[in-house]
Amino acid sequence: MRAPRLSRLFLSSIAASFLVPASASATTSAFEPTGLERVLSMLVAERSGDYGIAALDLRDGSTVSIRGDTPFPMASTVKLAIAGAYLADVDQGRRTLGDMIVGRPAAKALELMIVRSDNQATDQLLAALGGPVVIQQWLWSHKIAGIRMDRTIAQLLRERGHLADSKDVATPIAMVTLLNKLDNGTVLTAQSRNFLLELMSRCQTGTRRIRALLPAGTRVEDKTGTLDGITNDVGFITMPDGRRVAIVVFARGGRDRQPVIAEVSRAIYDYFADSARSALSLFMRMR
């Protein structure tokens, strides 16, 4: 799939964001949050609906966000918190991946939950852990504020009014914080981290979101979320230079939410890729 033709204004903003004098570039990070914020703000301003975006450079901690402190319905992206809580128990010896969860190993239930977004497997894992209150306590114990889990998936799906929901919500900054902690060894061992990322790399429900417009072969590990009027995708993108970026895109209302998520993801990818090329070019000129 080819990247969509963006407006002249959007393209001009991308170009302008890289026109930094060499003397300034030598003393600042290659990732300029204000420049990327400008690009993303202009992109979503042209679209209907409400968007919350966060991106975090896992190498240096640089963060950019659009409506980063605004709560959005998580939908199935909450399944990453459930997986994190279960795998943390495995790391601490309280559970194993071989434990049976309603007739199947926990490893299989986790696979169904992350790869296929299976709601039944999710609620079975959630019940084994002790319900939403346990996930909320786990989040608080790791100082992850801004995520609220109130209901099982079955309860969530039975209710309506998701566009205005104040339950089961997260801010983009909170979700990207969760992603960072899942990745950086704060809450999981390397073995559990790798197990989770491998499942996320096989996500089958998000081919038209973060992944859709990225160059072929780009490694993505993600988890989608979908409800009436809600379309989300969160995860990790590996850049050509090997650096990894955590990305959160929450979309509420409006039309064409999946294509917008794809465009936002491509804009973030292009910004980091061009920043890396600019930094390399500067280094070569300084030699």
C-alpha atoms as a PDB file:
ATOM      1  CA  MET A   1       0.000   0.000   0.000  1.00  0.00           C
ATOM      2  CA  ARG A   2       1.416   3.404  -0.928  1.00  0.00           C
ATOM      3  CA  ALA A   3       1.498   6.303   1.515  1.00  0.00           C
ATOM      4  CA  PRO A   4      -1.429   8.685   0.847  1.00  0.00           C
ATOM      5  CA  ARG A   5      -0.785  12.050  -0.775  1.00  0.00           C
ATOM      6  CA  LEU A   6      -0.715  14.559   2.082  1.00  0.00           C
ATOM      7  CA  SER A   7      -1.565  18.224   1.759  1.00  0.00           C
ATOM      8  CA  ARG A   8       1.042  20.760   0.612  1.00  0.00           C
ATOM      9  CA  LEU A   9       0.866  22.352   4.040  1.00  0.00           C
ATOM     10  CA  PHE A  10       1.650  19.068   5.768  1.00  0.00           C
ATOM     11  CA  LEU A  11       4.557  18.301   3.463  1.00  0.00           C
ATOM     12  CA  SER A  12       5.925  21.820   3.892  1.00  0.00           C
ATOM     13  CA  SER A  13       5.839  21.383   7.653  1.00  0.00           C
ATOM     14  CA  ILE A  14       7.768  18.134   7.432  1.00  0.00           C
ATOM     15  CA  ALA A  15      10.411  19.781   5.264  1.00  0.00           C
ATOM     16  CA  ALA A  16      10.646  22.845   7.509  1.00  0.00           C
ATOM     17  CA  SER A  17      11.063  20.724  10.606  1.00  0.00           C
ATOM     18  CA  PHE A  18      14.358  19.377   9.245  1.00  0.00           C
ATOM     19  CA  LEU A  19      15.812  22.726   8.142  1.00  0.00           C
ATOM     20  CA  VAL A  20      17.903  23.161  11.291  1.00  0.00           C
ATOM     21  CA  PRO A  21      21.270  24.881  10.918  1.00  0.00           C
ATOM     22  CA  ALA A  22      24.253  22.586  11.411  1.00  0.00           C
ATOM     23  CA  SER A  23      25.508  24.619  14.369  1.00  0.00           C
ATOM     24  CA  ALA A  24      22.199  24.097  16.194  1.00  0.00           C
ATOM     25  CA  SER A  25      21.944  20.432  15.227  1.00  0.00           C
ATOM     26  CA  ALA A  26      25.328  19.730  16.756  1.00  0.00           C
ATOM     27  CA  THR A  27      24.120  20.739  20.191  1.00  0.00           C
ATOM     28  CA  THR A  28      20.560  19.372  20.232  1.00  0.00           C
ATOM     29  CA  SER A  29      18.952  15.949  20.079  1.00  0.00           C
ATOM     30  CA  ALA A  30      18.135  14.642  16.601  1.00  0.00           C
ATOM     31  CA  PHE A  31      14.568  14.192  17.846  1.00  0.00           C
ATOM     32  CA  GLU A  32      12.906  17.609  18.069  1.00  0.00           C
ATOM     33  CA  PRO A  33       9.558  17.075  19.836  1.00  0.00           C
ATOM     34  CA  THR A  34       8.180  20.483  18.879  1.00  0.00           C
ATOM     35  CA  GLY A  35       8.773  19.815  15.177  1.00  0.00           C
ATOM     36  CA  LEU A  36       7.082  16.430  15.288  1.00  0.00           C
ATOM     37  CA  GLU A  37       4.211  17.826  17.336  1.00  0.00           C
ATOM     38  CA  ARG A  38       3.653  20.422  14.647  1.00  0.00           C
ATOM     39  CA  VAL A  39       3.552  17.774  11.923  1.00  0.00           C
ATOM     40  CA  LEU A  40       1.132  15.549  13.847  1.00  0.00           C
ATOM     41  CA  SER A  41      -1.100  18.420  14.920  1.00  0.00           C
ATOM     42  CA  MET A  42      -1.519  19.544  11.333  1.00  0.00           C
ATOM     43  CA  LEU A  43      -2.219  16.009  10.163  1.00  0.00           C
ATOM     44  CA  VAL A  44      -5.053  15.302  12.611  1.00  0.00           C
ATOM     45  CA  ALA A  45      -6.461  18.827  12.326  1.00  0.00           C
ATOM     46  CA  GLU A  46      -7.428  17.978   8.754  1.00  0.00           C
ATOM     47  CA  ARG A  47      -9.425  14.943   9.878  1.00  0.00           C
ATOM     48  CA  SER A  48     -12.716  14.477  11.686  1.00  0.00           C
ATOM     49  CA  GLY A  49     -12.672  12.806  15.069  1.00  0.00           C
ATOM     50  CA  ASP A  50     -10.631  13.145  18.231  1.00  0.00           C
ATOM     51  CA  TYR A  51      -7.046  11.856  18.387  1.00  0.00           C
ATOM     52  CA  GLY A  52      -4.623  11.216  21.218  1.00  0.00           C
ATOM     53  CA  ILE A  53      -1.028  10.469  20.255  1.00  0.00           C
ATOM     54  CA  ALA A  54       2.200   9.752  22.097  1.00  0.00           C
ATOM     55  CA  ALA A  55       5.610   8.653  20.829  1.00  0.00           C
ATOM     56  CA  LEU A  56       8.628   7.821  22.973  1.00  0.00           C
ATOM     57  CA  ASP A  57      12.195   7.293  21.793  1.00  0.00           C
ATOM     58  CA  LEU A  58      13.258   4.300  23.885  1.00  0.00           C
ATOM     59  CA  ARG A  59      16.917   5.181  23.384  1.00  0.00           C
ATOM     60  CA  ASP A  60      16.983   8.667  24.892  1.00  0.00           C
ATOM     61  CA  GLY A  61      13.534   9.094  26.481  1.00  0.00           C
ATOM     62  CA  SER A  62      12.396  11.946  24.221  1.00  0.00           C
ATOM     63  CA  THR A  63       8.605  12.146  24.157  1.00  0.00           C
ATOM     64  CA  VAL A  64       6.090  13.888  21.937  1.00  0.00           C
ATOM     65  CA  SER A  65       2.335  13.922  22.411  1.00  0.00           C
ATOM     66  CA  ILE A  66      -0.894  15.353  21.071  1.00  0.00           C
ATOM     67  CA  ARG A  67      -3.603  15.533  23.738  1.00  0.00           C
ATOM     68  CA  GLY A  68      -1.300  13.365  25.770  1.00  0.00           C
ATOM     69  CA  ASP A  69      -3.091  13.925  29.082  1.00  0.00           C
ATOM     70  CA  THR A  70      -6.623  13.378  27.742  1.00  0.00           C
ATOM     71  CA  PRO A  71      -8.295  10.052  28.682  1.00  0.00           C
ATOM     72  CA  PHE A  72      -9.462   7.873  25.780  1.00  0.00           C
ATOM     73  CA  PRO A  73     -11.281   4.516  25.880  1.00  0.00           C
ATOM     74  CA  MET A  74      -8.631   1.785  25.769  1.00  0.00           C
ATOM     75  CA  ALA A  75     -10.752  -0.974  24.230  1.00  0.00           C
ATOM     76  CA  SER A  76      -8.515  -4.040  23.783  1.00  0.00           C
ATOM     77  CA  THR A  77      -5.233  -2.191  24.271  1.00  0.00           C
ATOM     78  CA  VAL A  78      -5.860  -2.861  27.976  1.00  0.00           C
ATOM     79  CA  LYS A  79      -4.906  -6.463  27.236  1.00  0.00           C
ATOM     80  CA  LEU A  80      -1.260  -5.420  27.411  1.00  0.00           C
ATOM     81  CA  ALA A  81      -1.741  -4.543  31.085  1.00  0.00           C
ATOM     82  CA  ILE A  82      -3.383  -7.927  31.704  1.00  0.00           C
ATOM     83  CA  ALA A  83      -0.499  -9.683  29.958  1.00  0.00           C
ATOM     84  CA  GLY A  84       2.012  -7.640  31.931  1.00  0.00           C
ATOM     85  CA  ALA A  85       0.378  -8.499  35.244  1.00  0.00           C
ATOM     86  CA  TYR A  86       0.266 -12.214  34.439  1.00  0.00           C
ATOM     87  CA  LEU A  87       3.863 -12.364  33.207  1.00  0.00           C
ATOM     88  CA  ALA A  88       5.051 -10.432  36.263  1.00  0.00           C
ATOM     89  CA  ASP A  89       3.492 -13.162  38.411  1.00  0.00           C
ATOM     90  CA  VAL A  90       5.359 -15.738  36.327  1.00  0.00           C
ATOM     91  CA  ASP A  91       8.622 -13.876  36.918  1.00  0.00           C
ATOM     92  CA  GLN A  92       7.963 -13.871  40.661  1.00  0.00           C
ATOM     93  CA  GLY A  93       7.221 -17.588  40.762  1.00  0.00           C
ATOM     94  CA  ARG A  94       3.525 -17.249  41.585  1.00  0.00           C
ATOM     95  CA  ARG A  95       2.365 -18.656  38.242  1.00  0.00           C
ATOM     96  CA  THR A  96       3.748 -20.443  35.193  1.00  0.00           C
ATOM     97  CA  LEU A  97       2.989 -20.311  31.494  1.00  0.00           C
ATOM     98  CA  GLY A  98       1.970 -23.944  31.834  1.00  0.00           C
ATOM     99  CA  ASP A  99      -0.794 -23.247  34.356  1.00  0.00           C
ATOM    100  CA  MET A 100      -4.141 -24.342  32.969  1.00  0.00           C
ATOM    101  CA  ILE A 101      -6.621 -21.543  32.275  1.00  0.00           C
ATOM    102  CA  VAL A 102     -10.032 -23.115  31.581  1.00  0.00           C
ATOM    103  CA  GLY A 103      -8.540 -26.136  29.887  1.00  0.00           C
ATOM    104  CA  ARG A 104      -5.577 -24.608  28.063  1.00  0.00           C
ATOM    105  CA  PRO A 105      -2.091 -23.499  29.083  1.00  0.00           C
ATOM    106  CA  ALA A 106      -1.697 -19.887  30.116  1.00  0.00           C
ATOM    107  CA  ALA A 107       0.800 -19.406  27.277  1.00  0.00           C
ATOM    108  CA  LYS A 108      -1.912 -20.296  24.769  1.00  0.00           C
ATOM    109  CA  ALA A 109      -4.447 -18.010  26.441  1.00  0.00           C
ATOM    110  CA  LEU A 110      -1.933 -15.145  26.287  1.00  0.00           C
ATOM    111  CA  GLU A 111      -1.284 -15.881  22.628  1.00  0.00           C
ATOM    112  CA  LEU A 112      -4.991 -15.781  21.811  1.00  0.00           C
ATOM    113  CA  MET A 113      -5.434 -12.550  23.772  1.00  0.00           C
ATOM    114  CA  ILE A 114      -2.559 -10.658  22.124  1.00  0.00           C
ATOM    115  CA  VAL A 115      -2.353 -12.139  18.620  1.00  0.00           C
ATOM    116  CA  ARG A 116      -6.082 -12.543  17.917  1.00  0.00           C
ATOM    117  CA  SER A 117      -7.500 -10.223  20.595  1.00  0.00           C
ATOM    118  CA  ASP A 118      -9.661 -13.105  21.847  1.00  0.00           C
ATOM    119  CA  ASN A 119     -12.086 -11.670  24.411  1.00  0.00           C
ATOM    120  CA  GLN A 120     -12.983 -14.970  26.047  1.00  0.00           C
ATOM    121  CA  ALA A 121      -9.333 -15.863  26.648  1.00  0.00           C
ATOM    122  CA  THR A 122      -8.811 -12.360  28.040  1.00  0.00           C
ATOM    123  CA  ASP A 123     -11.600 -12.663  30.594  1.00  0.00           C
ATOM    124  CA  GLN A 124     -10.392 -16.120  31.595  1.00  0.00           C
ATOM    125  CA  LEU A 125      -6.908 -14.771  32.288  1.00  0.00           C
ATOM    126  CA  LEU A 126      -8.420 -11.783  34.053  1.00  0.00           C
ATOM    127  CA  ALA A 127     -10.508 -14.059  36.298  1.00  0.00           C
ATOM    128  CA  ALA A 128      -7.430 -16.132  37.152  1.00  0.00           C
ATOM    129  CA  LEU A 129      -5.610 -12.970  38.200  1.00  0.00           C
ATOM    130  CA  GLY A 130      -8.480 -11.734  40.377  1.00  0.00           C
ATOM    131  CA  GLY A 131     -10.348  -9.300  38.121  1.00  0.00           C
ATOM    132  CA  PRO A 132      -9.925  -5.675  37.029  1.00  0.00           C
ATOM    133  CA  VAL A 133      -9.121  -4.473  40.554  1.00  0.00           C
ATOM    134  CA  VAL A 134      -5.940  -6.574  40.550  1.00  0.00           C
ATOM    135  CA  ILE A 135      -4.808  -5.075  37.239  1.00  0.00           C
ATOM    136  CA  GLN A 136      -5.460  -1.596  38.610  1.00  0.00           C
ATOM    137  CA  GLN A 137      -3.412  -2.375  41.705  1.00  0.00           C
ATOM    138  CA  TRP A 138      -0.596  -3.751  39.557  1.00  0.00           C
ATOM    139  CA  LEU A 139      -0.533  -0.548  37.507  1.00  0.00           C
ATOM    140  CA  TRP A 140      -0.481   1.616  40.626  1.00  0.00           C
ATOM    141  CA  SER A 141       2.273  -0.520  42.169  1.00  0.00           C
ATOM    142  CA  HIS A 142       4.475   0.349  39.201  1.00  0.00           C
ATOM    143  CA  LYS A 143       3.580   4.047  39.360  1.00  0.00           C
ATOM    144  CA  ILE A 144       1.640   3.995  36.100  1.00  0.00           C
ATOM    145  CA  ALA A 145      -0.947   6.722  36.578  1.00  0.00           C
ATOM    146  CA  GLY A 146      -3.558   7.678  34.012  1.00  0.00           C
ATOM    147  CA  ILE A 147      -4.858   4.179  33.237  1.00  0.00           C
ATOM    148  CA  ARG A 148      -8.186   3.115  34.687  1.00  0.00           C
ATOM    149  CA  MET A 149      -9.526  -0.449  34.413  1.00  0.00           C
ATOM    150  CA  ASP A 150     -13.048  -1.050  35.699  1.00  0.00           C
ATOM    151  CA  ARG A 151     -14.707  -3.928  33.826  1.00  0.00           C
ATOM    152  CA  THR A 152     -14.157  -7.284  32.242  1.00  0.00           C
ATOM    153  CA  ILE A 153     -14.277  -7.373  28.456  1.00  0.00           C
ATOM    154  CA  ALA A 154     -17.719  -9.003  28.562  1.00  0.00           C
ATOM    155  CA  GLN A 155     -19.031  -6.228  30.798  1.00  0.00           C
ATOM    156  CA  LEU A 156     -17.451  -3.587  28.580  1.00  0.00           C
ATOM    157  CA  LEU A 157     -19.074  -4.983  25.443  1.00  0.00           C
ATOM    158  CA  ARG A 158     -22.516  -5.182  27.052  1.00  0.00           C
ATOM    159  CA  GLU A 159     -22.545  -1.467  27.780  1.00  0.00           C
ATOM    160  CA  ARG A 160     -22.947   1.408  25.329  1.00  0.00           C
ATOM    161  CA  GLY A 161     -21.823   5.014  25.151  1.00  0.00           C
ATOM    162  CA  HIS A 162     -18.140   4.255  24.605  1.00  0.00           C
ATOM    163  CA  LEU A 163     -17.423   7.615  22.976  1.00  0.00           C
ATOM    164  CA  ALA A 164     -18.132   9.413  26.253  1.00  0.00           C
ATOM    165  CA  ASP A 165     -16.924   6.651  28.562  1.00  0.00           C
ATOM    166  CA  SER A 166     -15.015   7.602  31.691  1.00  0.00           C
ATOM    167  CA  LYS A 167     -14.330   3.956  32.608  1.00  0.00           C
ATOM    168  CA  ASP A 168     -11.598   1.753  31.166  1.00  0.00           C
ATOM    169  CA  VAL A 169      -9.669   4.716  29.813  1.00  0.00           C
ATOM    170  CA  ALA A 170      -6.043   5.746  29.467  1.00  0.00           C
ATOM    171  CA  THR A 171      -4.189   8.864  28.475  1.00  0.00           C
ATOM    172  CA  PRO A 172      -1.704   8.485  25.611  1.00  0.00           C
ATOM    173  CA  ILE A 173       1.141   9.398  27.986  1.00  0.00           C
ATOM    174  CA  ALA A 174       0.044   6.725  30.472  1.00  0.00           C
ATOM    175  CA  MET A 175      -0.159   4.068  27.772  1.00  0.00           C
ATOM    176  CA  VAL A 176       3.257   4.922  26.356  1.00  0.00           C
ATOM    177  CA  THR A 177       4.595   4.762  29.928  1.00  0.00           C
ATOM    178  CA  LEU A 178       3.174   1.244  30.249  1.00  0.00           C
ATOM    179  CA  LEU A 179       4.809   0.271  26.950  1.00  0.00           C
ATOM    180  CA  ASN A 180       8.134   1.651  28.147  1.00  0.00           C
ATOM    181  CA  LYS A 181       7.991  -0.248  31.422  1.00  0.00           C
ATOM    182  CA  LEU A 182       7.023  -3.491  29.676  1.00  0.00           C
ATOM    183  CA  ASP A 183      10.058  -3.070  27.440  1.00  0.00           C
ATOM    184  CA  ASN A 184      12.812  -1.709  29.688  1.00  0.00           C
ATOM    185  CA  GLY A 185      13.046  -4.387  32.372  1.00  0.00           C
ATOM    186  CA  THR A 186      11.188  -2.391  35.006  1.00  0.00           C
ATOM    187  CA  VAL A 187       8.281  -4.811  35.364  1.00  0.00           C
ATOM    188  CA  LEU A 188       9.290  -7.933  33.394  1.00  0.00           C
ATOM    189  CA  THR A 189      12.342 -10.140  33.079  1.00  0.00           C
ATOM    190  CA  ALA A 190      14.045 -10.338  29.690  1.00  0.00           C
ATOM    191  CA  GLN A 191      12.442 -13.735  29.079  1.00  0.00           C
ATOM    192  CA  SER A 192       8.899 -12.494  29.748  1.00  0.00           C
ATOM    193  CA  ARG A 193       9.529  -9.279  27.793  1.00  0.00           C
ATOM    194  CA  ASN A 194      10.685 -11.252  24.776  1.00  0.00           C
ATOM    195  CA  PHE A 195       7.711 -13.610  25.050  1.00  0.00           C
ATOM    196  CA  LEU A 196       5.286 -10.670  25.028  1.00  0.00           C
ATOM    197  CA  LEU A 197       7.020  -8.823  22.192  1.00  0.00           C
ATOM    198  CA  GLU A 198       7.018 -11.959  20.067  1.00  0.00           C
ATOM    199  CA  LEU A 199       3.251 -12.252  20.530  1.00  0.00           C
ATOM    200  CA  MET A 200       2.785  -8.571  19.693  1.00  0.00           C
ATOM    201  CA  SER A 201       4.867  -8.979  16.533  1.00  0.00           C
ATOM    202  CA  ARG A 202       2.264 -11.492  15.317  1.00  0.00           C
ATOM    203  CA  CYS A 203      -0.755  -9.268  15.956  1.00  0.00           C
ATOM    204  CA  GLN A 204      -3.394 -10.189  13.351  1.00  0.00           C
ATOM    205  CA  THR A 205      -5.912  -7.411  13.999  1.00  0.00           C
ATOM    206  CA  GLY A 206      -3.953  -4.292  13.042  1.00  0.00           C
ATOM    207  CA  THR A 207      -2.773  -4.640   9.457  1.00  0.00           C
ATOM    208  CA  ARG A 208      -4.527  -1.376   8.479  1.00  0.00           C
ATOM    209  CA  ARG A 209      -3.252   0.699  11.394  1.00  0.00           C
ATOM    210  CA  ILE A 210       0.351   1.257  12.585  1.00  0.00           C
ATOM    211  CA  ARG A 211       1.754  -1.262  10.113  1.00  0.00           C
ATOM    212  CA  ALA A 212      -0.201  -0.241   7.032  1.00  0.00           C
ATOM    213  CA  LEU A 213       2.049   2.443   5.499  1.00  0.00           C
ATOM    214  CA  LEU A 214       5.427   1.516   6.957  1.00  0.00           C
ATOM    215  CA  PRO A 215       8.157   0.237   4.631  1.00  0.00           C
ATOM    216  CA  ALA A 216       8.069  -3.491   3.955  1.00  0.00           C
ATOM    217  CA  GLY A 217      10.070  -5.420   6.517  1.00  0.00           C
ATOM    218  CA  THR A 218       9.717  -2.843   9.301  1.00  0.00           C
ATOM    219  CA  ARG A 219       9.424  -4.653  12.622  1.00  0.00           C
ATOM    220  CA  VAL A 220       6.287  -3.726  14.531  1.00  0.00           C
ATOM    221  CA  GLU A 221       5.005  -5.121  17.821  1.00  0.00           C
ATOM    222  CA  ASP A 222       1.518  -3.842  18.559  1.00  0.00           C
ATOM    223  CA  LYS A 223      -1.884  -4.347  20.144  1.00  0.00           C
ATOM    224  CA  THR A 224      -5.072  -2.945  18.695  1.00  0.00           C
ATOM    225  CA  GLY A 225      -8.323  -1.875  20.322  1.00  0.00           C
ATOM    226  CA  THR A 226     -11.746  -1.458  18.719  1.00  0.00           C
ATOM    227  CA  LEU A 227     -15.209  -0.487  19.966  1.00  0.00           C
ATOM    228  CA  ASP A 228     -18.134   1.372  18.425  1.00  0.00           C
ATOM    229  CA  GLY A 229     -16.596   4.669  17.337  1.00  0.00           C
ATOM    230  CA  ILE A 230     -13.215   3.765  18.865  1.00  0.00           C
ATOM    231  CA  THR A 231     -10.113   2.658  16.933  1.00  0.00           C
ATOM    232  CA  ASN A 232      -6.736   2.322  18.670  1.00  0.00           C
ATOM    233  CA  ASP A 233      -3.298   0.888  18.087  1.00  0.00           C
ATOM    234  CA  VAL A 234      -0.302   0.931  20.429  1.00  0.00           C
ATOM    235  CA  GLY A 235       3.094  -0.690  20.272  1.00  0.00           C
ATOM    236  CA  PHE A 236       6.689  -0.438  19.064  1.00  0.00           C
ATOM    237  CA  ILE A 237       8.333   0.420  15.747  1.00  0.00           C
ATOM    238  CA  THR A 238      11.966  -0.461  15.033  1.00  0.00           C
ATOM    239  CA  MET A 239      13.691   2.200  12.945  1.00  0.00           C
ATOM    240  CA  PRO A 240      16.290   1.533  10.207  1.00  0.00           C
ATOM    241  CA  ASP A 241      19.130   2.516  12.572  1.00  0.00           C
ATOM    242  CA  GLY A 242      17.916   0.003  15.174  1.00  0.00           C
ATOM    243  CA  ARG A 243      16.397   2.473  17.600  1.00  0.00           C
ATOM    244  CA  ARG A 244      12.894   1.630  18.795  1.00  0.00           C
ATOM    245  CA  VAL A 245       9.986   3.986  19.255  1.00  0.00           C
ATOM    246  CA  ALA A 246       6.948   3.312  21.432  1.00  0.00           C
ATOM    247  CA  ILE A 247       3.802   4.701  19.807  1.00  0.00           C
ATOM    248  CA  VAL A 248       0.225   5.212  20.959  1.00  0.00           C
ATOM    249  CA  VAL A 249      -2.603   6.361  18.706  1.00  0.00           C
ATOM    250  CA  PHE A 250      -6.101   6.590  20.183  1.00  0.00           C
ATOM    251  CA  ALA A 251      -8.949   7.634  17.849  1.00  0.00           C
ATOM    252  CA  ARG A 252     -12.507   8.504  18.855  1.00  0.00           C
ATOM    253  CA  GLY A 253     -15.395   9.481  16.577  1.00  0.00           C
ATOM    254  CA  GLY A 254     -15.183  10.830  13.062  1.00  0.00           C
ATOM    255  CA  ARG A 255     -14.464   8.798   9.959  1.00  0.00           C
ATOM    256  CA  ASP A 256     -11.517   6.918   8.429  1.00  0.00           C
ATOM    257  CA  ARG A 257      -9.813   6.341  11.770  1.00  0.00           C
ATOM    258  CA  GLN A 258      -7.667   3.439  10.536  1.00  0.00           C
ATOM    259  CA  PRO A 259      -6.123   5.395   7.624  1.00  0.00           C
ATOM    260  CA  VAL A 260      -5.382   8.295   9.969  1.00  0.00           C
ATOM    261  CA  ILE A 261      -3.624   5.963  12.422  1.00  0.00           C
ATOM    262  CA  ALA A 262      -1.572   4.664   9.490  1.00  0.00           C
ATOM    263  CA  GLU A 263      -0.665   8.198   8.386  1.00  0.00           C
ATOM    264  CA  VAL A 264       0.262   9.255  11.917  1.00  0.00           C
ATOM    265  CA  SER A 265       2.480   6.187  12.275  1.00  0.00           C
ATOM    266  CA  ARG A 266       4.189   6.841   8.958  1.00  0.00           C
ATOM    267  CA  ALA A 267       4.776  10.485   9.898  1.00  0.00           C
ATOM    268  CA  ILE A 268       6.438   9.390  13.145  1.00  0.00           C
ATOM    269  CA  TYR A 269       8.509   6.796  11.297  1.00  0.00           C
ATOM    270  CA  ASP A 270       9.622   9.313   8.654  1.00  0.00           C
ATOM    271  CA  TYR A 271      10.543  11.883  11.278  1.00  0.00           C
ATOM    272  CA  PHE A 272      12.788   9.473  13.171  1.00  0.00           C
ATOM    273  CA  ALA A 273      14.279   7.995   9.996  1.00  0.00           C
ATOM    274  CA  ASP A 274      15.076  11.442   8.590  1.00  0.00           C
ATOM    275  CA  SER A 275      16.473  12.569  11.947  1.00  0.00           C
ATOM    276  CA  ALA A 276      18.830   9.592  11.956  1.00  0.00           C
ATOM    277  CA  ARG A 277      19.951  10.304   8.380  1.00  0.00           C
ATOM    278  CA  SER A 278      20.490  13.983   9.229  1.00  0.00           C
ATOM    279  CA  ALA A 279      22.566  13.079  12.278  1.00  0.00           C
ATOM    280  CA  LEU A 280      24.698  10.658  10.230  1.00  0.00           C
ATOM    281  CA  SER A 281      25.210  13.242   7.497  1.00  0.00           C
ATOM    282  CA  LEU A 282      26.280  15.838  10.075  1.00  0.00           C
ATOM    283  CA  PHE A 283      28.714  13.356  11.646  1.00  0.00           C
ATOM    284  CA  MET A 284      30.276  12.596   8.268  1.00  0.00           C
ATOM    285  CA  ARG A 285      30.719  16.309   7.526  1.00  0.00           C
ATOM    286  CA  MET A 286      32.412  16.865  10.899  1.00  0.00           C
ATOM    287  CA  ARG A 287      34.991  14.122  10.400  1.00  0.00           C
END
